[in-house]
């Protein structure tokens, strides 16, 4: 089954997520990294989920990832794929995968971030497959 339109919802902006969504509108994917414990994490938040520090910096991700787990949803809205992907920076995120044949996906499929506009013009990061020879090692 070919998956094309992710039919994404408009994200809710908050003061702590504005930097993330502003970067997405410029087609940059950000992740957070704690200055105290040096661990990366995703999603945008004011407190490190590992050490509870508030010394958080946002860094630009390469946009390259591999599939860790995924599910095809074919009931309700148009079919879509929800996936847990691992960025090459070592950060796991939950996202959608688009522009692919669902049967061609498997664990470790290499992906690249792309940005889809939702209602109101906000861009949202999703992923699409890239050639196997460019997989993260």
N, C-alpha and C. Protein backbone atom coordinates (compact mmCIF):
# COMPACT_ATOMS: atom_id res chain seq x y z
N UNK A 1 0.84 -1.16 0.00
CA UNK A 1 0.00 0.00 0.00
C UNK A 1 0.90 1.24 0.00
N UNK A 2 0.63 2.16 -0.90
CA UNK A 2 1.43 3.37 -0.98
C UNK A 2 0.91 4.39 0.04
N UNK A 3 1.80 4.91 0.85
CA UNK A 3 1.45 5.89 1.88
C UNK A 3 1.93 7.26 1.42
N UNK A 4 0.99 8.18 1.31
CA UNK A 4 1.35 9.50 0.79
C UNK A 4 1.00 10.61 1.77
N UNK A 5 -0.28 10.82 2.03
CA UNK A 5 -0.75 11.94 2.85
C UNK A 5 -0.81 11.54 4.32
N UNK A 6 0.02 12.17 5.16
CA UNK A 6 -0.01 11.79 6.57
C UNK A 6 -1.22 12.34 7.33
N UNK A 7 -1.97 13.30 6.72
CA UNK A 7 -3.17 13.85 7.35
C UNK A 7 -2.87 14.28 8.79
N UNK A 8 -1.87 15.11 8.96
CA UNK A 8 -1.39 15.50 10.28
C UNK A 8 -2.26 16.56 10.93
N UNK A 9 -2.29 16.52 12.25
CA UNK A 9 -3.01 17.53 13.03
C UNK A 9 -2.11 18.73 13.27
N UNK A 10 -2.73 19.87 13.53
CA UNK A 10 -1.98 21.08 13.85
C UNK A 10 -1.38 20.91 15.25
N UNK A 11 -0.07 21.09 15.38
CA UNK A 11 0.55 20.94 16.70
C UNK A 11 0.17 22.10 17.62
N UNK A 12 0.15 21.82 18.90
CA UNK A 12 -0.12 22.87 19.89
C UNK A 12 1.20 23.50 20.30
N UNK A 13 1.31 24.80 20.07
CA UNK A 13 2.52 25.53 20.46
C UNK A 13 2.42 25.93 21.92
N UNK A 14 3.55 25.86 22.60
CA UNK A 14 3.67 26.35 23.97
C UNK A 14 4.95 27.18 24.03
N UNK A 15 5.13 27.98 25.08
CA UNK A 15 6.38 28.75 25.17
C UNK A 15 7.64 27.87 25.08
N UNK A 16 7.59 26.67 25.64
CA UNK A 16 8.79 25.83 25.59
C UNK A 16 8.97 25.09 24.26
N UNK A 17 7.94 25.04 23.41
CA UNK A 17 8.09 24.37 22.12
C UNK A 17 8.21 25.34 20.94
N UNK A 18 8.06 26.63 21.19
CA UNK A 18 8.12 27.61 20.09
C UNK A 18 9.41 27.52 19.29
N UNK A 19 10.55 27.36 19.96
CA UNK A 19 11.84 27.28 19.25
C UNK A 19 11.84 26.07 18.29
N UNK A 20 11.27 24.96 18.72
CA UNK A 20 11.19 23.76 17.89
C UNK A 20 10.32 24.01 16.65
N UNK A 21 9.13 24.58 16.86
CA UNK A 21 8.21 24.79 15.74
C UNK A 21 8.69 25.89 14.81
N UNK A 22 9.35 26.92 15.35
CA UNK A 22 9.94 27.95 14.49
C UNK A 22 11.01 27.34 13.59
N UNK A 23 11.84 26.46 14.14
CA UNK A 23 12.87 25.78 13.34
C UNK A 23 12.23 24.88 12.29
N UNK A 24 11.16 24.18 12.65
CA UNK A 24 10.47 23.32 11.69
C UNK A 24 9.96 24.14 10.51
N UNK A 25 9.48 25.34 10.77
CA UNK A 25 9.01 26.20 9.68
C UNK A 25 10.14 26.59 8.74
N UNK A 26 11.38 26.51 9.22
CA UNK A 26 12.56 26.75 8.38
C UNK A 26 13.17 25.44 7.89
N UNK A 27 12.42 24.35 8.07
CA UNK A 27 12.81 23.00 7.66
C UNK A 27 14.09 22.52 8.33
N UNK A 28 14.17 22.79 9.63
CA UNK A 28 15.25 22.28 10.48
C UNK A 28 14.63 21.46 11.60
N UNK A 29 15.18 20.28 11.84
CA UNK A 29 14.72 19.43 12.93
C UNK A 29 15.65 19.62 14.12
N UNK A 30 15.08 20.02 15.25
CA UNK A 30 15.87 20.22 16.46
C UNK A 30 15.64 19.10 17.46
N UNK A 31 16.65 18.84 18.26
CA UNK A 31 16.50 17.97 19.43
C UNK A 31 17.16 18.69 20.59
N UNK A 32 16.86 18.26 21.79
CA UNK A 32 17.40 18.91 22.98
C UNK A 32 18.56 18.10 23.54
N UNK A 33 19.50 18.80 24.18
CA UNK A 33 20.62 18.15 24.84
C UNK A 33 20.86 18.88 26.16
N UNK A 34 20.99 18.11 27.22
CA UNK A 34 21.21 18.66 28.54
C UNK A 34 22.67 19.07 28.70
N UNK A 35 22.90 20.27 29.19
CA UNK A 35 24.28 20.74 29.41
C UNK A 35 24.91 20.10 30.64
N UNK A 36 24.10 19.59 31.56
CA UNK A 36 24.64 19.00 32.78
C UNK A 36 25.00 17.52 32.62
N UNK A 37 24.06 16.70 32.13
CA UNK A 37 24.36 15.26 31.99
C UNK A 37 24.79 14.89 30.57
N UNK A 38 24.68 15.85 29.64
CA UNK A 38 25.13 15.67 28.25
C UNK A 38 24.30 14.65 27.46
N UNK A 39 23.09 14.34 27.92
CA UNK A 39 22.25 13.37 27.21
C UNK A 39 21.27 14.09 26.29
N UNK A 40 21.13 13.58 25.06
CA UNK A 40 20.15 14.16 24.13
C UNK A 40 18.76 13.62 24.43
N UNK A 41 17.74 14.41 24.13
CA UNK A 41 16.37 13.93 24.28
C UNK A 41 15.44 14.67 23.31
N UNK A 42 14.30 14.10 23.14
CA UNK A 42 13.28 14.64 22.25
C UNK A 42 11.96 14.35 22.93
N UNK A 43 11.22 15.20 23.14
CA UNK A 43 10.56 16.32 22.59
C UNK A 43 10.95 17.57 23.35
N UNK A 44 10.65 18.75 22.85
CA UNK A 44 11.05 19.98 23.52
C UNK A 44 10.41 20.10 24.91
N UNK A 45 11.25 20.34 25.90
CA UNK A 45 10.76 20.57 27.27
C UNK A 45 11.81 21.33 28.06
N UNK A 46 11.39 21.95 29.15
CA UNK A 46 12.26 22.80 29.94
C UNK A 46 13.17 22.02 30.88
N UNK A 47 12.83 20.78 31.18
CA UNK A 47 13.56 20.00 32.17
C UNK A 47 14.09 18.72 31.53
N UNK A 48 15.35 18.39 31.80
CA UNK A 48 15.96 17.16 31.29
C UNK A 48 15.24 15.95 31.91
N UNK A 49 14.80 14.98 31.10
CA UNK A 49 14.11 13.81 31.64
C UNK A 49 15.06 12.84 32.35
N UNK A 50 16.37 13.06 32.24
CA UNK A 50 17.34 12.16 32.85
C UNK A 50 17.84 12.66 34.20
N UNK A 51 18.20 13.95 34.28
CA UNK A 51 18.78 14.48 35.53
C UNK A 51 17.98 15.64 36.12
N UNK A 52 16.92 16.04 35.45
CA UNK A 52 16.02 17.10 35.90
C UNK A 52 16.65 18.50 35.89
N UNK A 53 17.73 18.65 35.17
CA UNK A 53 18.36 19.95 35.01
C UNK A 53 17.50 20.83 34.10
N UNK A 54 17.64 22.12 34.27
CA UNK A 54 16.96 23.06 33.36
C UNK A 54 17.95 23.69 32.38
N UNK A 55 19.16 23.15 32.31
CA UNK A 55 20.18 23.65 31.37
C UNK A 55 20.07 22.88 30.06
N UNK A 56 19.13 23.29 29.23
CA UNK A 56 18.82 22.59 27.98
C UNK A 56 19.23 23.45 26.79
N UNK A 57 19.89 22.83 25.83
CA UNK A 57 20.23 23.49 24.56
C UNK A 57 19.56 22.75 23.43
N UNK A 58 19.16 23.48 22.39
CA UNK A 58 18.59 22.86 21.21
C UNK A 58 19.64 22.80 20.12
N UNK A 59 19.76 21.64 19.50
CA UNK A 59 20.74 21.42 18.45
C UNK A 59 20.04 20.98 17.18
N UNK A 60 20.63 21.31 16.03
CA UNK A 60 20.06 20.89 14.75
C UNK A 60 20.46 19.45 14.46
N UNK A 61 19.47 18.63 14.18
CA UNK A 61 19.70 17.23 13.82
C UNK A 61 20.07 17.13 12.35
N UNK A 62 20.77 16.07 12.00
CA UNK A 62 21.14 15.84 10.60
C UNK A 62 19.91 15.54 9.74
N UNK A 63 18.86 15.03 10.38
CA UNK A 63 17.66 14.64 9.64
C UNK A 63 17.70 13.20 9.17
N UNK A 64 18.80 12.50 9.47
CA UNK A 64 18.93 11.09 9.08
C UNK A 64 18.54 10.20 10.25
N UNK A 65 17.81 9.12 9.93
CA UNK A 65 17.34 8.22 10.98
C UNK A 65 17.16 6.82 10.40
N UNK A 66 16.95 5.86 11.28
CA UNK A 66 16.60 4.49 10.90
C UNK A 66 15.35 4.09 11.67
N UNK A 67 14.54 3.23 11.07
CA UNK A 67 13.33 2.75 11.74
C UNK A 67 13.72 1.81 12.88
N UNK A 68 13.14 2.06 14.05
CA UNK A 68 13.30 1.17 15.20
C UNK A 68 12.07 0.26 15.30
N UNK A 69 10.88 0.82 15.10
CA UNK A 69 9.62 0.07 15.10
C UNK A 69 8.59 0.89 14.33
N UNK A 70 7.60 0.22 13.74
CA UNK A 70 6.56 0.95 13.00
C UNK A 70 5.28 0.15 12.94
N UNK A 71 4.17 0.86 12.70
CA UNK A 71 2.85 0.24 12.53
C UNK A 71 2.12 0.93 11.39
N UNK A 72 1.42 0.13 10.60
CA UNK A 72 0.57 0.64 9.53
C UNK A 72 -0.86 0.71 10.07
N UNK A 73 -1.47 1.87 9.98
CA UNK A 73 -2.85 2.06 10.39
C UNK A 73 -3.68 2.26 9.14
N UNK A 74 -4.63 1.37 8.88
CA UNK A 74 -5.39 1.45 7.64
C UNK A 74 -6.89 1.66 7.87
N UNK A 75 -7.31 1.87 9.09
CA UNK A 75 -8.72 2.14 9.40
C UNK A 75 -8.88 3.62 9.72
N UNK A 76 -10.07 4.14 9.49
CA UNK A 76 -10.33 5.54 9.83
C UNK A 76 -9.82 6.48 8.75
N UNK A 77 -8.97 7.42 9.17
CA UNK A 77 -8.42 8.40 8.22
C UNK A 77 -7.62 7.67 7.14
N UNK A 78 -7.15 8.35 6.11
CA UNK A 78 -6.36 7.65 5.10
C UNK A 78 -5.22 6.86 5.76
N UNK A 79 -4.83 5.74 5.18
CA UNK A 79 -3.78 4.91 5.79
C UNK A 79 -2.53 5.73 6.09
N UNK A 80 -1.90 5.42 7.22
CA UNK A 80 -0.68 6.11 7.60
C UNK A 80 0.22 5.17 8.39
N UNK A 81 1.50 5.54 8.44
CA UNK A 81 2.48 4.75 9.18
C UNK A 81 3.01 5.61 10.32
N UNK A 82 2.87 5.09 11.52
CA UNK A 82 3.45 5.71 12.70
C UNK A 82 4.70 4.91 13.04
N UNK A 83 5.79 5.61 13.37
CA UNK A 83 7.05 4.91 13.60
C UNK A 83 7.84 5.52 14.75
N UNK A 84 8.61 4.67 15.37
CA UNK A 84 9.61 5.08 16.35
C UNK A 84 10.91 5.02 15.57
N UNK A 85 11.56 6.16 15.38
CA UNK A 85 12.80 6.19 14.60
C UNK A 85 13.94 6.69 15.48
N UNK A 86 15.14 6.25 15.16
CA UNK A 86 16.34 6.64 15.89
C UNK A 86 17.16 7.57 15.02
N UNK A 87 17.28 8.83 15.45
CA UNK A 87 18.13 9.78 14.73
C UNK A 87 19.58 9.36 14.85
N UNK A 88 20.41 9.74 13.89
CA UNK A 88 21.82 9.37 13.97
C UNK A 88 22.50 10.00 15.18
N UNK A 89 21.88 11.01 15.77
CA UNK A 89 22.42 11.62 16.99
C UNK A 89 22.09 10.82 18.24
N UNK A 90 21.36 9.71 18.08
CA UNK A 90 21.03 8.85 19.22
C UNK A 90 19.74 9.20 19.93
N UNK A 91 18.90 9.97 19.29
CA UNK A 91 17.63 10.38 19.88
C UNK A 91 16.49 9.63 19.21
N UNK A 92 15.61 9.04 20.02
CA UNK A 92 14.45 8.33 19.49
C UNK A 92 13.26 9.29 19.43
N UNK A 93 12.53 9.26 18.31
CA UNK A 93 11.33 10.08 18.19
C UNK A 93 10.21 9.26 17.56
N UNK A 94 8.98 9.65 17.87
CA UNK A 94 7.81 9.04 17.24
C UNK A 94 7.35 10.00 16.16
N UNK A 95 7.08 9.47 14.98
CA UNK A 95 6.80 10.30 13.82
C UNK A 95 5.94 9.52 12.83
N UNK A 96 5.68 10.12 11.68
CA UNK A 96 5.02 9.44 10.57
C UNK A 96 6.02 9.23 9.45
N UNK A 97 5.79 8.17 8.66
CA UNK A 97 6.60 7.90 7.47
C UNK A 97 5.68 8.05 6.27
N UNK A 98 6.15 8.78 5.26
CA UNK A 98 5.33 9.06 4.08
C UNK A 98 6.10 8.73 2.80
N UNK A 99 5.40 8.84 1.67
CA UNK A 99 5.97 8.67 0.34
C UNK A 99 6.71 7.34 0.19
N UNK A 100 6.00 6.25 0.51
CA UNK A 100 6.63 4.94 0.41
C UNK A 100 5.58 3.84 0.28
N UNK A 101 6.04 2.69 -0.15
CA UNK A 101 5.22 1.48 -0.13
C UNK A 101 5.37 0.87 1.25
N UNK A 102 4.26 0.64 1.93
CA UNK A 102 4.33 0.12 3.29
C UNK A 102 5.02 -1.24 3.34
N UNK A 103 4.85 -2.06 2.30
CA UNK A 103 5.47 -3.39 2.28
C UNK A 103 6.98 -3.33 2.14
N UNK A 104 7.52 -2.20 1.72
CA UNK A 104 8.97 -2.08 1.53
C UNK A 104 9.70 -1.69 2.82
N UNK A 105 8.95 -1.33 3.85
CA UNK A 105 9.58 -0.90 5.10
C UNK A 105 9.94 -2.09 5.97
N UNK A 106 11.04 -1.94 6.69
CA UNK A 106 11.44 -2.94 7.68
C UNK A 106 12.28 -2.24 8.75
N UNK A 107 12.53 -2.93 9.84
CA UNK A 107 13.37 -2.38 10.89
C UNK A 107 14.73 -2.05 10.29
N UNK A 108 15.27 -0.90 10.67
CA UNK A 108 16.56 -0.37 10.19
C UNK A 108 16.48 0.29 8.81
N UNK A 109 15.29 0.40 8.20
CA UNK A 109 15.19 1.13 6.94
C UNK A 109 15.71 2.55 7.17
N UNK A 110 16.64 3.02 6.33
CA UNK A 110 17.15 4.38 6.48
C UNK A 110 16.11 5.41 6.03
N UNK A 111 16.05 6.51 6.77
CA UNK A 111 15.06 7.56 6.53
C UNK A 111 15.72 8.92 6.48
N UNK A 112 14.97 9.87 5.93
CA UNK A 112 15.39 11.27 5.89
C UNK A 112 14.19 12.13 6.27
N UNK A 113 14.42 13.16 7.08
CA UNK A 113 13.33 14.04 7.47
C UNK A 113 12.87 14.88 6.28
N UNK A 114 11.57 15.11 6.20
CA UNK A 114 10.95 16.04 5.27
C UNK A 114 9.91 16.81 6.09
N UNK A 115 9.42 17.90 5.56
CA UNK A 115 8.49 18.73 6.32
C UNK A 115 7.19 18.89 5.54
N UNK A 116 6.06 18.64 6.22
CA UNK A 116 4.74 18.79 5.63
C UNK A 116 4.04 19.97 6.28
N UNK A 117 3.35 20.76 5.48
CA UNK A 117 2.57 21.87 6.02
C UNK A 117 1.20 21.37 6.44
N UNK A 118 0.75 21.83 7.60
CA UNK A 118 -0.58 21.49 8.09
C UNK A 118 -1.43 22.76 8.06
N UNK A 119 -2.68 22.63 8.45
CA UNK A 119 -3.59 23.77 8.47
C UNK A 119 -2.94 24.94 9.22
N UNK A 120 -3.02 26.11 8.65
CA UNK A 120 -2.41 27.29 9.26
C UNK A 120 -0.98 27.52 8.81
N UNK A 121 -0.41 26.59 8.03
CA UNK A 121 0.92 26.77 7.48
C UNK A 121 2.07 26.24 8.31
N UNK A 122 1.80 25.77 9.54
CA UNK A 122 2.88 25.21 10.35
C UNK A 122 3.46 23.98 9.66
N UNK A 123 4.79 23.89 9.63
CA UNK A 123 5.45 22.71 9.07
C UNK A 123 5.73 21.71 10.20
N UNK A 124 5.54 20.43 9.86
CA UNK A 124 5.71 19.34 10.82
C UNK A 124 6.72 18.36 10.24
N UNK A 125 7.71 17.93 11.04
CA UNK A 125 8.68 16.95 10.53
C UNK A 125 8.09 15.55 10.46
N UNK A 126 8.28 14.91 9.32
CA UNK A 126 7.94 13.50 9.10
C UNK A 126 9.14 12.89 8.37
N UNK A 127 9.09 11.61 8.09
CA UNK A 127 10.24 10.96 7.46
C UNK A 127 9.83 10.20 6.22
N UNK A 128 10.79 10.03 5.33
CA UNK A 128 10.62 9.27 4.10
C UNK A 128 11.86 8.39 3.90
N UNK A 129 11.70 7.22 3.28
CA UNK A 129 12.86 6.34 3.08
C UNK A 129 13.92 6.98 2.19
N UNK A 130 15.16 6.60 2.44
CA UNK A 130 16.27 7.00 1.57
C UNK A 130 17.02 5.73 1.16
N UNK A 131 17.92 5.82 0.21
CA UNK A 131 18.60 4.62 -0.30
C UNK A 131 19.29 3.82 0.79
N UNK A 132 19.26 2.50 0.66
CA UNK A 132 19.84 1.59 1.65
C UNK A 132 21.32 1.86 1.88
N UNK A 133 22.06 2.20 0.84
CA UNK A 133 23.51 2.41 0.99
C UNK A 133 23.83 3.59 1.90
N UNK A 134 22.83 4.41 2.25
CA UNK A 134 23.09 5.55 3.12
C UNK A 134 22.60 5.31 4.55
N UNK A 135 22.43 4.05 4.92
CA UNK A 135 21.97 3.72 6.27
C UNK A 135 22.99 4.17 7.32
N UNK A 136 22.49 4.47 8.50
CA UNK A 136 23.36 4.86 9.62
C UNK A 136 24.07 3.61 10.12
N UNK A 137 25.35 3.71 10.32
CA UNK A 137 26.14 2.57 10.82
C UNK A 137 26.43 2.75 12.28
